[in-house]
Amino acid sequence: MPSLSIQQTAQETGLSIDTLRYYERIGLLAPSRDASSRHRRYSERDLAWIDFVTKLRSTGMPLAEIHQYIHLYQQGEATQAQRQRLLEAQAARVEARIAELREALAVIHKKIDGYRKSGRKTA
């Protein structure tokens, strides 16, 4: 796959051009630059990294923690245990949130069942 422009990357990832530029500015991304035009070029590896960052963001992981993870990643294998701890902590937060949502969903289903049993239609 050839490298993509920032516009193509935005279309491919669903992120805005401004978000891609912001992520680059704060050090979450480091796309290469075209030698002649200096335009950003995104490789398959960049797209995989964007996907990973997007997944972490979707779990509510703060950008500062993602930045910390990336900084550790760039330091190499010696930081593997630290990166693992960061991801384990985020996984625990996600699992706690899922448990909260399941409890809330159970309450909603109970209310729906009550409406169904009483013969009322739900809106």
PDB file of N, CA and C in Angstrom:
ATOM      1  N   MET A   1       0.845  -1.183   0.000  1.00  0.00           N
ATOM      2  CA  MET A   1       0.000   0.000   0.000  1.00  0.00           C
ATOM      3  C   MET A   1       0.891   1.247   0.000  1.00  0.00           C
ATOM      4  N   PRO A   2       0.675   2.141  -0.951  1.00  0.00           N
ATOM      5  CA  PRO A   2       1.464   3.373  -0.972  1.00  0.00           C
ATOM      6  C   PRO A   2       1.079   4.266   0.206  1.00  0.00           C
ATOM      7  N   SER A   3       1.940   5.219   0.515  1.00  0.00           N
ATOM      8  CA  SER A   3       1.633   6.127   1.617  1.00  0.00           C
ATOM      9  C   SER A   3       0.458   7.024   1.240  1.00  0.00           C
ATOM     10  N   LEU A   4      -0.236   7.495   2.272  1.00  0.00           N
ATOM     11  CA  LEU A   4      -1.440   8.297   2.071  1.00  0.00           C
ATOM     12  C   LEU A   4      -1.198   9.747   2.472  1.00  0.00           C
ATOM     13  N   SER A   5      -1.916  10.643   1.823  1.00  0.00           N
ATOM     14  CA  SER A   5      -1.889  12.051   2.202  1.00  0.00           C
ATOM     15  C   SER A   5      -2.693  12.219   3.489  1.00  0.00           C
ATOM     16  N   ILE A   6      -2.638  13.393   4.061  1.00  0.00           N
ATOM     17  CA  ILE A   6      -3.402  13.642   5.278  1.00  0.00           C
ATOM     18  C   ILE A   6      -4.906  13.567   4.997  1.00  0.00           C
ATOM     19  N   GLN A   7      -5.331  14.031   3.814  1.00  0.00           N
ATOM     20  CA  GLN A   7      -6.747  13.952   3.454  1.00  0.00           C
ATOM     21  C   GLN A   7      -7.193  12.494   3.335  1.00  0.00           C
ATOM     22  N   GLN A   8      -6.386  11.687   2.668  1.00  0.00           N
ATOM     23  CA  GLN A   8      -6.714  10.272   2.508  1.00  0.00           C
ATOM     24  C   GLN A   8      -6.716   9.563   3.860  1.00  0.00           C
ATOM     25  N   THR A   9      -5.780   9.926   4.714  1.00  0.00           N
ATOM     26  CA  THR A   9      -5.703   9.319   6.041  1.00  0.00           C
ATOM     27  C   THR A   9      -6.918   9.703   6.874  1.00  0.00           C
ATOM     28  N   ALA A  10      -7.339  10.947   6.763  1.00  0.00           N
ATOM     29  CA  ALA A  10      -8.541  11.380   7.477  1.00  0.00           C
ATOM     30  C   ALA A  10      -9.750  10.567   7.016  1.00  0.00           C
ATOM     31  N   GLN A  11      -9.887  10.381   5.716  1.00  0.00           N
ATOM     32  CA  GLN A  11     -10.997   9.583   5.188  1.00  0.00           C
ATOM     33  C   GLN A  11     -10.905   8.137   5.646  1.00  0.00           C
ATOM     34  N   GLU A  12      -9.713   7.585   5.627  1.00  0.00           N
ATOM     35  CA  GLU A  12      -9.494   6.178   5.983  1.00  0.00           C
ATOM     36  C   GLU A  12      -9.762   5.918   7.464  1.00  0.00           C
ATOM     37  N   THR A  13      -9.376   6.867   8.323  1.00  0.00           N
ATOM     38  CA  THR A  13      -9.461   6.653   9.769  1.00  0.00           C
ATOM     39  C   THR A  13     -10.717   7.231  10.413  1.00  0.00           C
ATOM     40  N   GLY A  14     -11.364   8.161   9.724  1.00  0.00           N
ATOM     41  CA  GLY A  14     -12.518   8.822  10.322  1.00  0.00           C
ATOM     42  C   GLY A  14     -12.135   9.978  11.239  1.00  0.00           C
ATOM     43  N   LEU A  15     -10.857  10.250  11.356  1.00  0.00           N
ATOM     44  CA  LEU A  15     -10.405  11.397  12.144  1.00  0.00           C
ATOM     45  C   LEU A  15     -10.350  12.625  11.244  1.00  0.00           C
ATOM     46  N   SER A  16     -10.523  13.781  11.847  1.00  0.00           N
ATOM     47  CA  SER A  16     -10.427  15.003  11.052  1.00  0.00           C
ATOM     48  C   SER A  16      -8.959  15.329  10.783  1.00  0.00           C
ATOM     49  N   ILE A  17      -8.746  16.145   9.773  1.00  0.00           N
ATOM     50  CA  ILE A  17      -7.394  16.608   9.467  1.00  0.00           C
ATOM     51  C   ILE A  17      -6.834  17.364  10.663  1.00  0.00           C
ATOM     52  N   ASP A  18      -7.672  18.182  11.296  1.00  0.00           N
ATOM     53  CA  ASP A  18      -7.226  18.928  12.473  1.00  0.00           C
ATOM     54  C   ASP A  18      -6.779  17.997  13.591  1.00  0.00           C
ATOM     55  N   THR A  19      -7.508  16.896  13.799  1.00  0.00           N
ATOM     56  CA  THR A  19      -7.127  15.929  14.837  1.00  0.00           C
ATOM     57  C   THR A  19      -5.797  15.279  14.503  1.00  0.00           C
ATOM     58  N   LEU A  20      -5.613  14.892  13.247  1.00  0.00           N
ATOM     59  CA  LEU A  20      -4.338  14.298  12.844  1.00  0.00           C
ATOM     60  C   LEU A  20      -3.185  15.275  13.076  1.00  0.00           C
ATOM     61  N   ARG A  21      -3.395  16.526  12.724  1.00  0.00           N
ATOM     62  CA  ARG A  21      -2.348  17.532  12.936  1.00  0.00           C
ATOM     63  C   ARG A  21      -2.088  17.745  14.429  1.00  0.00           C
ATOM     64  N   TYR A  22      -3.169  17.768  15.206  1.00  0.00           N
ATOM     65  CA  TYR A  22      -3.031  17.934  16.656  1.00  0.00           C
ATOM     66  C   TYR A  22      -2.260  16.766  17.260  1.00  0.00           C
ATOM     67  N   TYR A  23      -2.620  15.541  16.871  1.00  0.00           N
ATOM     68  CA  TYR A  23      -1.919  14.363  17.384  1.00  0.00           C
ATOM     69  C   TYR A  23      -0.437  14.415  17.026  1.00  0.00           C
ATOM     70  N   GLU A  24      -0.126  14.934  15.846  1.00  0.00           N
ATOM     71  CA  GLU A  24       1.281  15.082  15.465  1.00  0.00           C
ATOM     72  C   GLU A  24       1.952  16.147  16.332  1.00  0.00           C
ATOM     73  N   ARG A  25       1.259  17.266  16.524  1.00  0.00           N
ATOM     74  CA  ARG A  25       1.825  18.380  17.297  1.00  0.00           C
ATOM     75  C   ARG A  25       2.150  17.969  18.734  1.00  0.00           C
ATOM     76  N   ILE A  26       1.301  17.103  19.338  1.00  0.00           N
ATOM     77  CA  ILE A  26       1.553  16.712  20.729  1.00  0.00           C
ATOM     78  C   ILE A  26       2.389  15.436  20.837  1.00  0.00           C
ATOM     79  N   GLY A  27       2.824  14.914  19.702  1.00  0.00           N
ATOM     80  CA  GLY A  27       3.753  13.799  19.717  1.00  0.00           C
ATOM     81  C   GLY A  27       3.142  12.414  19.687  1.00  0.00           C
ATOM     82  N   LEU A  28       1.852  12.310  19.368  1.00  0.00           N
ATOM     83  CA  LEU A  28       1.227  10.989  19.279  1.00  0.00           C
ATOM     84  C   LEU A  28       1.481  10.333  17.932  1.00  0.00           C
ATOM     85  N   LEU A  29       1.725  11.137  16.916  1.00  0.00           N
ATOM     86  CA  LEU A  29       1.994  10.633  15.566  1.00  0.00           C
ATOM     87  C   LEU A  29       3.242  11.312  15.019  1.00  0.00           C
ATOM     88  N   ALA A  30       3.915  10.608  14.139  1.00  0.00           N
ATOM     89  CA  ALA A  30       5.096  11.185  13.487  1.00  0.00           C
ATOM     90  C   ALA A  30       5.150  10.705  12.041  1.00  0.00           C
ATOM     91  N   PRO A  31       4.211  11.197  11.202  1.00  0.00           N
ATOM     92  CA  PRO A  31       4.241  10.762   9.801  1.00  0.00           C
ATOM     93  C   PRO A  31       5.492  11.289   9.110  1.00  0.00           C
ATOM     94  N   SER A  32       5.883  10.584   8.067  1.00  0.00           N
ATOM     95  CA  SER A  32       7.033  11.051   7.291  1.00  0.00           C
ATOM     96  C   SER A  32       6.597  12.247   6.448  1.00  0.00           C
ATOM     97  N   ARG A  33       7.571  12.913   5.870  1.00  0.00           N
ATOM     98  CA  ARG A  33       7.298  14.060   5.004  1.00  0.00           C
ATOM     99  C   ARG A  33       7.829  13.764   3.615  1.00  0.00           C
ATOM    100  N   ASP A  34       7.055  14.156   2.616  1.00  0.00           N
ATOM    101  CA  ASP A  34       7.501  14.031   1.232  1.00  0.00           C
ATOM    102  C   ASP A  34       8.733  14.920   1.050  1.00  0.00           C
ATOM    103  N   ALA A  35       9.759  14.385   0.422  1.00  0.00           N
ATOM    104  CA  ALA A  35      11.024  15.113   0.283  1.00  0.00           C
ATOM    105  C   ALA A  35      10.877  16.418  -0.488  1.00  0.00           C
ATOM    106  N   SER A  36      10.048  16.427  -1.519  1.00  0.00           N
ATOM    107  CA  SER A  36       9.950  17.633  -2.342  1.00  0.00           C
ATOM    108  C   SER A  36       8.900  18.611  -1.829  1.00  0.00           C
ATOM    109  N   SER A  37       7.740  18.120  -1.455  1.00  0.00           N
ATOM    110  CA  SER A  37       6.646  19.018  -1.071  1.00  0.00           C
ATOM    111  C   SER A  37       6.551  19.249   0.436  1.00  0.00           C
ATOM    112  N   ARG A  38       7.182  18.390   1.229  1.00  0.00           N
ATOM    113  CA  ARG A  38       7.119  18.437   2.696  1.00  0.00           C
ATOM    114  C   ARG A  38       5.731  18.104   3.232  1.00  0.00           C
ATOM    115  N   HIS A  39       4.843  17.576   2.377  1.00  0.00           N
ATOM    116  CA  HIS A  39       3.518  17.144   2.830  1.00  0.00           C
ATOM    117  C   HIS A  39       3.649  15.884   3.667  1.00  0.00           C
ATOM    118  N   ARG A  40       2.746  15.740   4.622  1.00  0.00           N
ATOM    119  CA  ARG A  40       2.735  14.539   5.455  1.00  0.00           C
ATOM    120  C   ARG A  40       2.364  13.329   4.604  1.00  0.00           C
ATOM    121  N   ARG A  41       3.005  12.203   4.892  1.00  0.00           N
ATOM    122  CA  ARG A  41       2.691  10.937   4.232  1.00  0.00           C
ATOM    123  C   ARG A  41       2.525   9.880   5.320  1.00  0.00           C
ATOM    124  N   TYR A  42       1.400   9.176   5.278  1.00  0.00           N
ATOM    125  CA  TYR A  42       1.073   8.186   6.303  1.00  0.00           C
ATOM    126  C   TYR A  42       1.224   6.782   5.736  1.00  0.00           C
ATOM    127  N   SER A  43       2.022   5.976   6.414  1.00  0.00           N
ATOM    128  CA  SER A  43       2.284   4.596   5.997  1.00  0.00           C
ATOM    129  C   SER A  43       1.264   3.651   6.637  1.00  0.00           C
ATOM    130  N   GLU A  44       1.324   2.381   6.243  1.00  0.00           N
ATOM    131  CA  GLU A  44       0.474   1.372   6.880  1.00  0.00           C
ATOM    132  C   GLU A  44       0.752   1.316   8.375  1.00  0.00           C
ATOM    133  N   ARG A  45       2.007   1.442   8.738  1.00  0.00           N
ATOM    134  CA  ARG A  45       2.361   1.434  10.165  1.00  0.00           C
ATOM    135  C   ARG A  45       1.730   2.628  10.882  1.00  0.00           C
ATOM    136  N   ASP A  46       1.744   3.799  10.236  1.00  0.00           N
ATOM    137  CA  ASP A  46       1.092   4.975  10.819  1.00  0.00           C
ATOM    138  C   ASP A  46      -0.396   4.718  11.013  1.00  0.00           C
ATOM    139  N   LEU A  47      -1.033   4.107  10.008  1.00  0.00           N
ATOM    140  CA  LEU A  47      -2.467   3.813  10.109  1.00  0.00           C
ATOM    141  C   LEU A  47      -2.747   2.844  11.252  1.00  0.00           C
ATOM    142  N   ALA A  48      -1.899   1.846  11.424  1.00  0.00           N
ATOM    143  CA  ALA A  48      -2.070   0.902  12.535  1.00  0.00           C
ATOM    144  C   ALA A  48      -1.908   1.622  13.870  1.00  0.00           C
ATOM    145  N   TRP A  49      -0.962   2.540  13.932  1.00  0.00           N
ATOM    146  CA  TRP A  49      -0.737   3.303  15.156  1.00  0.00           C
ATOM    147  C   TRP A  49      -1.929   4.214  15.440  1.00  0.00           C
ATOM    148  N   ILE A  50      -2.460   4.854  14.409  1.00  0.00           N
ATOM    149  CA  ILE A  50      -3.647   5.703  14.564  1.00  0.00           C
ATOM    150  C   ILE A  50      -4.811   4.868  15.079  1.00  0.00           C
ATOM    151  N   ASP A  51      -4.970   3.667  14.546  1.00  0.00           N
ATOM    152  CA  ASP A  51      -6.039   2.779  15.006  1.00  0.00           C
ATOM    153  C   ASP A  51      -5.869   2.458  16.487  1.00  0.00           C
ATOM    154  N   PHE A  52      -4.648   2.167  16.907  1.00  0.00           N
ATOM    155  CA  PHE A  52      -4.372   1.865  18.306  1.00  0.00           C
ATOM    156  C   PHE A  52      -4.685   3.070  19.190  1.00  0.00           C
ATOM    157  N   VAL A  53      -4.221   4.241  18.804  1.00  0.00           N
ATOM    158  CA  VAL A  53      -4.480   5.461  19.571  1.00  0.00           C
ATOM    159  C   VAL A  53      -5.981   5.725  19.646  1.00  0.00           C
ATOM    160  N   THR A  54      -6.673   5.538  18.532  1.00  0.00           N
ATOM    161  CA  THR A  54      -8.122   5.749  18.492  1.00  0.00           C
ATOM    162  C   THR A  54      -8.840   4.781  19.428  1.00  0.00           C
ATOM    163  N   LYS A  55      -8.394   3.533  19.454  1.00  0.00           N
ATOM    164  CA  LYS A  55      -8.998   2.545  20.360  1.00  0.00           C
ATOM    165  C   LYS A  55      -8.766   2.949  21.819  1.00  0.00           C
ATOM    166  N   LEU A  56      -7.553   3.382  22.134  1.00  0.00           N
ATOM    167  CA  LEU A  56      -7.280   3.826  23.503  1.00  0.00           C
ATOM    168  C   LEU A  56      -8.153   5.019  23.868  1.00  0.00           C
ATOM    169  N   ARG A  57      -8.293   5.968  22.947  1.00  0.00           N
ATOM    170  CA  ARG A  57      -9.152   7.137  23.203  1.00  0.00           C
ATOM    171  C   ARG A  57     -10.604   6.717  23.406  1.00  0.00           C
ATOM    172  N   SER A  58     -11.059   5.730  22.635  1.00  0.00           N
ATOM    173  CA  SER A  58     -12.457   5.297  22.762  1.00  0.00           C
ATOM    174  C   SER A  58     -12.730   4.647  24.113  1.00  0.00           C
ATOM    175  N   THR A  59     -11.678   4.202  24.795  1.00  0.00           N
ATOM    176  CA  THR A  59     -11.850   3.637  26.131  1.00  0.00           C
ATOM    177  C   THR A  59     -11.784   4.710  27.206  1.00  0.00           C
ATOM    178  N   GLY A  60     -11.565   5.939  26.786  1.00  0.00           N
ATOM    179  CA  GLY A  60     -11.482   7.037  27.740  1.00  0.00           C
ATOM    180  C   GLY A  60     -10.085   7.306  28.258  1.00  0.00           C
ATOM    181  N   MET A  61      -9.091   6.665  27.679  1.00  0.00           N
ATOM    182  CA  MET A  61      -7.719   6.894  28.132  1.00  0.00           C
ATOM    183  C   MET A  61      -7.317   8.328  27.804  1.00  0.00           C
ATOM    184  N   PRO A  62      -6.838   9.067  28.797  1.00  0.00           N
ATOM    185  CA  PRO A  62      -6.438  10.455  28.545  1.00  0.00           C
ATOM    186  C   PRO A  62      -5.254  10.537  27.577  1.00  0.00           C
ATOM    187  N   LEU A  63      -5.221  11.614  26.818  1.00  0.00           N
ATOM    188  CA  LEU A  63      -4.122  11.811  25.873  1.00  0.00           C
ATOM    189  C   LEU A  63      -2.768  11.812  26.577  1.00  0.00           C
ATOM    190  N   ALA A  64      -2.720  12.330  27.795  1.00  0.00           N
ATOM    191  CA  ALA A  64      -1.450  12.351  28.531  1.00  0.00           C
ATOM    192  C   ALA A  64      -0.937  10.936  28.782  1.00  0.00           C
ATOM    193  N   GLU A  65      -1.833  10.003  29.091  1.00  0.00           N
ATOM    194  CA  GLU A  65      -1.415   8.615  29.312  1.00  0.00           C
ATOM    195  C   GLU A  65      -1.024   7.942  27.999  1.00  0.00           C
ATOM    196  N   ILE A  66      -1.739   8.267  26.929  1.00  0.00           N
ATOM    197  CA  ILE A  66      -1.363   7.725  25.622  1.00  0.00           C
ATOM    198  C   ILE A  66       0.022   8.247  25.242  1.00  0.00           C
ATOM    199  N   HIS A  67       0.250   9.522  25.497  1.00  0.00           N
ATOM    200  CA  HIS A  67       1.556  10.112  25.215  1.00  0.00           C
ATOM    201  C   HIS A  67       2.635   9.421  26.042  1.00  0.00           C
ATOM    202  N   GLN A  68       2.336   9.147  27.302  1.00  0.00           N
ATOM    203  CA  GLN A  68       3.288   8.444  28.159  1.00  0.00           C
ATOM    204  C   GLN A  68       3.590   7.058  27.596  1.00  0.00           C
ATOM    205  N   TYR A  69       2.545   6.358  27.147  1.00  0.00           N
ATOM    206  CA  TYR A  69       2.732   5.031  26.554  1.00  0.00           C
ATOM    207  C   TYR A  69       3.658   5.129  25.332  1.00  0.00           C
ATOM    208  N   ILE A  70       3.391   6.093  24.466  1.00  0.00           N
ATOM    209  CA  ILE A  70       4.193   6.251  23.251  1.00  0.00           C
ATOM    210  C   ILE A  70       5.645   6.568  23.604  1.00  0.00           C
ATOM    211  N   HIS A  71       5.823   7.443  24.576  1.00  0.00           N
ATOM    212  CA  HIS A  71       7.183   7.781  25.012  1.00  0.00           C
ATOM    213  C   HIS A  71       7.911   6.525  25.497  1.00  0.00           C
ATOM    214  N   LEU A  72       7.229   5.708  26.277  1.00  0.00           N
ATOM    215  CA  LEU A  72       7.826   4.457  26.755  1.00  0.00           C
ATOM    216  C   LEU A  72       8.115   3.510  25.590  1.00  0.00           C
ATOM    217  N   TYR A  73       7.174   3.426  24.651  1.00  0.00           N
ATOM    218  CA  TYR A  73       7.350   2.560  23.482  1.00  0.00           C
ATOM    219  C   TYR A  73       8.610   2.949  22.710  1.00  0.00           C
ATOM    220  N   GLN A  74       8.802   4.232  22.561  1.00  0.00           N
ATOM    221  CA  GLN A  74       9.958   4.722  21.809  1.00  0.00           C
ATOM    222  C   GLN A  74      11.281   4.404  22.505  1.00  0.00           C
ATOM    223  N   GLN A  75      11.226   4.148  23.803  1.00  0.00           N
ATOM    224  CA  GLN A  75      12.436   3.811  24.554  1.00  0.00           C
ATOM    225  C   GLN A  75      12.824   2.344  24.400  1.00  0.00           C
ATOM    226  N   GLY A  76      11.941   1.549  23.817  1.00  0.00           N
ATOM    227  CA  GLY A  76      12.292   0.170  23.514  1.00  0.00           C
ATOM    228  C   GLY A  76      11.845  -0.854  24.543  1.00  0.00           C
ATOM    229  N   GLU A  77      12.377  -2.046  24.384  1.00  0.00           N
ATOM    230  CA  GLU A  77      11.961  -3.216  25.165  1.00  0.00           C
ATOM    231  C   GLU A  77      12.135  -3.054  26.670  1.00  0.00           C
ATOM    232  N   ALA A  78      13.066  -2.226  27.088  1.00  0.00           N
ATOM    233  CA  ALA A  78      13.311  -2.044  28.521  1.00  0.00           C
ATOM    234  C   ALA A  78      12.092  -1.493  29.251  1.00  0.00           C
ATOM    235  N   THR A  79      11.154  -0.895  28.513  1.00  0.00           N
ATOM    236  CA  THR A  79       9.963  -0.291  29.129  1.00  0.00           C
ATOM    237  C   THR A  79       8.719  -1.156  28.981  1.00  0.00           C
ATOM    238  N   GLN A  80       8.879  -2.376  28.541  1.00  0.00           N
ATOM    239  CA  GLN A  80       7.722  -3.237  28.295  1.00  0.00           C
ATOM    240  C   GLN A  80       6.852  -3.402  29.545  1.00  0.00           C
ATOM    241  N   ALA A  81       7.455  -3.603  30.698  1.00  0.00           N
ATOM    242  CA  ALA A  81       6.683  -3.797  31.931  1.00  0.00           C
ATOM    243  C   ALA A  81       5.879  -2.546  32.270  1.00  0.00           C
ATOM    244  N   GLN A  82       6.453  -1.371  32.066  1.00  0.00           N
ATOM    245  CA  GLN A  82       5.740  -0.125  32.339  1.00  0.00           C
ATOM    246  C   GLN A  82       4.561   0.046  31.383  1.00  0.00           C
ATOM    247  N   ARG A  83       4.787  -0.274  30.113  1.00  0.00           N
ATOM    248  CA  ARG A  83       3.700  -0.177  29.132  1.00  0.00           C
ATOM    249  C   ARG A  83       2.583  -1.152  29.480  1.00  0.00           C
ATOM    250  N   GLN A  84       2.976  -2.345  29.894  1.00  0.00           N
ATOM    251  CA  GLN A  84       1.981  -3.343  30.279  1.00  0.00           C
ATOM    252  C   GLN A  84       1.151  -2.832  31.455  1.00  0.00           C
ATOM    253  N   ARG A  85       1.799  -2.223  32.451  1.00  0.00           N
ATOM    254  CA  ARG A  85       1.066  -1.697  33.610  1.00  0.00           C
ATOM    255  C   ARG A  85       0.092  -0.596  33.197  1.00  0.00           C
ATOM    256  N   LEU A  86       0.525   0.268  32.284  1.00  0.00           N
ATOM    257  CA  LEU A  86      -0.376   1.321  31.799  1.00  0.00           C
ATOM    258  C   LEU A  86      -1.618   0.721  31.152  1.00  0.00           C
ATOM    259  N   LEU A  87      -1.412  -0.271  30.293  1.00  0.00           N
ATOM    260  CA  LEU A  87      -2.543  -0.900  29.606  1.00  0.00           C
ATOM    261  C   LEU A  87      -3.410  -1.701  30.573  1.00  0.00           C
ATOM    262  N   GLU A  88      -2.795  -2.354  31.549  1.00  0.00           N
ATOM    263  CA  GLU A  88      -3.577  -3.100  32.541  1.00  0.00           C
ATOM    264  C   GLU A  88      -4.445  -2.163  33.375  1.00  0.00           C
ATOM    265  N   ALA A  89      -3.900  -1.010  33.740  1.00  0.00           N
ATOM    266  CA  ALA A  89      -4.679  -0.031  34.497  1.00  0.00           C
ATOM    267  C   ALA A  89      -5.858   0.466  33.674  1.00  0.00           C
ATOM    268  N   GLN A  90      -5.632   0.727  32.392  1.00  0.00           N
ATOM    269  CA  GLN A  90      -6.731   1.175  31.530  1.00  0.00           C
ATOM    270  C   GLN A  90      -7.756   0.069  31.347  1.00  0.00           C
ATOM    271  N   ALA A  91      -7.297  -1.164  31.177  1.00  0.00           N
ATOM    272  CA  ALA A  91      -8.225  -2.290  31.034  1.00  0.00           C
ATOM    273  C   ALA A  91      -9.093  -2.416  32.281  1.00  0.00           C
ATOM    274  N   ALA A  92      -8.523  -2.215  33.458  1.00  0.00           N
ATOM    275  CA  ALA A  92      -9.298  -2.286  34.702  1.00  0.00           C
ATOM    276  C   ALA A  92     -10.353  -1.186  34.745  1.00  0.00           C
ATOM    277  N   ARG A  93      -9.994   0.020  34.295  1.00  0.00           N
ATOM    278  CA  ARG A  93     -10.980   1.115  34.257  1.00  0.00           C
ATOM    279  C   ARG A  93     -12.104   0.802  33.273  1.00  0.00           C
ATOM    280  N   VAL A  94     -11.745   0.240  32.128  1.00  0.00           N
ATOM    281  CA  VAL A  94     -12.756  -0.122  31.123  1.00  0.00           C
ATOM    282  C   VAL A  94     -13.678  -1.201  31.676  1.00  0.00           C
ATOM    283  N   GLU A  95     -13.109  -2.211  32.318  1.00  0.00           N
ATOM    284  CA  GLU A  95     -13.927  -3.288  32.878  1.00  0.00           C
ATOM    285  C   GLU A  95     -14.862  -2.769  33.962  1.00  0.00           C
ATOM    286  N   ALA A  96     -14.399  -1.828  34.783  1.00  0.00           N
ATOM    287  CA  ALA A  96     -15.259  -1.229  35.803  1.00  0.00           C
ATOM    288  C   ALA A  96     -16.399  -0.455  35.148  1.00  0.00           C
ATOM    289  N   ARG A  97     -16.091   0.266  34.090  1.00  0.00           N
ATOM    290  CA  ARG A  97     -17.129   1.029  33.377  1.00  0.00           C
ATOM    291  C   ARG A  97     -18.141   0.102  32.727  1.00  0.00           C
ATOM    292  N   ILE A  98     -17.673  -0.999  32.161  1.00  0.00           N
ATOM    293  CA  ILE A  98     -18.580  -1.983  31.564  1.00  0.00           C
ATOM    294  C   ILE A  98     -19.512  -2.544  32.632  1.00  0.00           C
ATOM    295  N   ALA A  99     -18.984  -2.826  33.815  1.00  0.00           N
ATOM    296  CA  ALA A  99     -19.819  -3.337  34.909  1.00  0.00           C
ATOM    297  C   ALA A  99     -20.884  -2.311  35.293  1.00  0.00           C
ATOM    298  N   GLU A 100     -20.508  -1.036  35.367  1.00  0.00           N
ATOM    299  CA  GLU A 100     -21.475   0.026  35.667  1.00  0.00           C
ATOM    300  C   GLU A 100     -22.562   0.079  34.598  1.00  0.00           C
ATOM    301  N   LEU A 101     -22.161  -0.007  33.347  1.00  0.00           N
ATOM    302  CA  LEU A 101     -23.125   0.048  32.247  1.00  0.00           C
ATOM    303  C   LEU A 101     -24.051  -1.164  32.258  1.00  0.00           C
ATOM    304  N   ARG A 102     -23.519  -2.332  32.612  1.00  0.00           N
ATOM    305  CA  ARG A 102     -24.372  -3.523  32.701  1.00  0.00           C
ATOM    306  C   ARG A 102     -25.421  -3.355  33.789  1.00  0.00           C
ATOM    307  N   GLU A 103     -25.026  -2.784  34.924  1.00  0.00           N
ATOM    308  CA  GLU A 103     -25.988  -2.526  35.996  1.00  0.00           C
ATOM    309  C   GLU A 103     -27.057  -1.547  35.528  1.00  0.00           C
ATOM    310  N   ALA A 104     -26.644  -0.498  34.856  1.00  0.00           N
ATOM    311  CA  ALA A 104     -27.600   0.488  34.349  1.00  0.00           C
ATOM    312  C   ALA A 104     -28.526  -0.147  33.323  1.00  0.00           C
ATOM    313  N   LEU A 105     -27.985  -0.991  32.457  1.00  0.00           N
ATOM    314  CA  LEU A 105     -28.795  -1.668  31.451  1.00  0.00           C
ATOM    315  C   LEU A 105     -29.804  -2.600  32.103  1.00  0.00           C
ATOM    316  N   ALA A 106     -29.407  -3.269  33.164  1.00  0.00           N
ATOM    317  CA  ALA A 106     -30.334  -4.157  33.880  1.00  0.00           C
ATOM    318  C   ALA A 106     -31.505  -3.362  34.440  1.00  0.00           C
ATOM    319  N   VAL A 107     -31.243  -2.177  34.953  1.00  0.00           N
ATOM    320  CA  VAL A 107     -32.318  -1.318  35.470  1.00  0.00           C
ATOM    321  C   VAL A 107     -33.251  -0.913  34.336  1.00  0.00           C
ATOM    322  N   ILE A 108     -32.695  -0.558  33.201  1.00  0.00           N
ATOM    323  CA  ILE A 108     -33.510  -0.172  32.047  1.00  0.00           C
ATOM    324  C   ILE A 108     -34.377  -1.338  31.594  1.00  0.00           C
ATOM    325  N   HIS A 109     -33.791  -2.531  31.490  1.00  0.00           N
ATOM    326  CA  HIS A 109     -34.569  -3.706  31.076  1.00  0.00           C
ATOM    327  C   HIS A 109     -35.672  -4.025  32.079  1.00  0.00           C
ATOM    328  N   LYS A 110     -35.390  -3.848  33.341  1.00  0.00           N
ATOM    329  CA  LYS A 110     -36.408  -4.094  34.368  1.00  0.00           C
ATOM    330  C   LYS A 110     -37.574  -3.126  34.189  1.00  0.00           C
ATOM    331  N   LYS A 111     -37.276  -1.889  33.906  1.00  0.00           N
ATOM    332  CA  LYS A 111     -38.324  -0.884  33.690  1.00  0.00           C
ATOM    333  C   LYS A 111     -39.134  -1.229  32.438  1.00  0.00           C
ATOM    334  N   ILE A 112     -38.445  -1.640  31.366  1.00  0.00           N
ATOM    335  CA  ILE A 112     -39.134  -2.034  30.131  1.00  0.00           C
ATOM    336  C   ILE A 112     -40.050  -3.216  30.399  1.00  0.00           C
ATOM    337  N   ASP A 113     -39.559  -4.206  31.128  1.00  0.00           N
ATOM    338  CA  ASP A 113     -40.386  -5.372  31.468  1.00  0.00           C
ATOM    339  C   ASP A 113     -41.619  -4.957  32.251  1.00  0.00           C
ATOM    340  N   GLY A 114     -41.453  -4.000  33.153  1.00  0.00           N
ATOM    341  CA  GLY A 114     -42.597  -3.493  33.915  1.00  0.00           C
ATOM    342  C   GLY A 114     -43.639  -2.873  33.009  1.00  0.00           C
ATOM    343  N   TYR A 115     -43.211  -2.111  32.030  1.00  0.00           N
ATOM    344  CA  TYR A 115     -44.149  -1.514  31.081  1.00  0.00           C
ATOM    345  C   TYR A 115     -44.847  -2.593  30.262  1.00  0.00           C
ATOM    346  N   ARG A 116     -44.092  -3.576  29.825  1.00  0.00           N
ATOM    347  CA  ARG A 116     -44.686  -4.648  29.020  1.00  0.00           C
ATOM    348  C   ARG A 116     -45.729  -5.421  29.812  1.00  0.00           C
ATOM    349  N   LYS A 117     -45.438  -5.706  31.055  1.00  0.00           N
ATOM    350  CA  LYS A 117     -46.372  -6.464  31.898  1.00  0.00           C
ATOM    351  C   LYS A 117     -47.632  -5.675  32.194  1.00  0.00           C
ATOM    352  N   SER A 118     -47.508  -4.356  32.252  1.00  0.00           N
ATOM    353  CA  SER A 118     -48.684  -3.533  32.538  1.00  0.00           C
ATOM    354  C   SER A 118     -49.483  -3.229  31.275  1.00  0.00           C
ATOM    355  N   GLY A 119     -48.958  -3.646  30.124  1.00  0.00           N
ATOM    356  CA  GLY A 119     -49.670  -3.444  28.866  1.00  0.00           C
ATOM    357  C   GLY A 119     -49.439  -2.094  28.235  1.00  0.00           C
ATOM    358  N   ARG A 120     -48.605  -1.299  28.826  1.00  0.00           N
ATOM    359  CA  ARG A 120     -48.327   0.021  28.259  1.00  0.00           C
ATOM    360  C   ARG A 120     -47.270  -0.100  27.172  1.00  0.00           C
ATOM    361  N   LYS A 121     -47.373   0.758  26.212  1.00  0.00           N
ATOM    362  CA  LYS A 121     -46.369   0.826  25.145  1.00  0.00           C
ATOM    363  C   LYS A 121     -45.235   1.734  25.610  1.00  0.00           C
ATOM    364  N   THR A 122     -44.043   1.383  25.201  1.00  0.00           N
ATOM    365  CA  THR A 122     -42.912   2.250  25.506  1.00  0.00           C
ATOM    366  C   THR A 122     -42.658   3.171  24.328  1.00  0.00           C
ATOM    367  N   ALA A 123     -42.181   4.340  24.640  1.00  0.00           N
ATOM    368  CA  ALA A 123     -41.901   5.320  23.581  1.00  0.00           C
ATOM    369  C   ALA A 123     -40.473   5.235  23.156  1.00  0.00           C
TER     370      ALA A 123
END
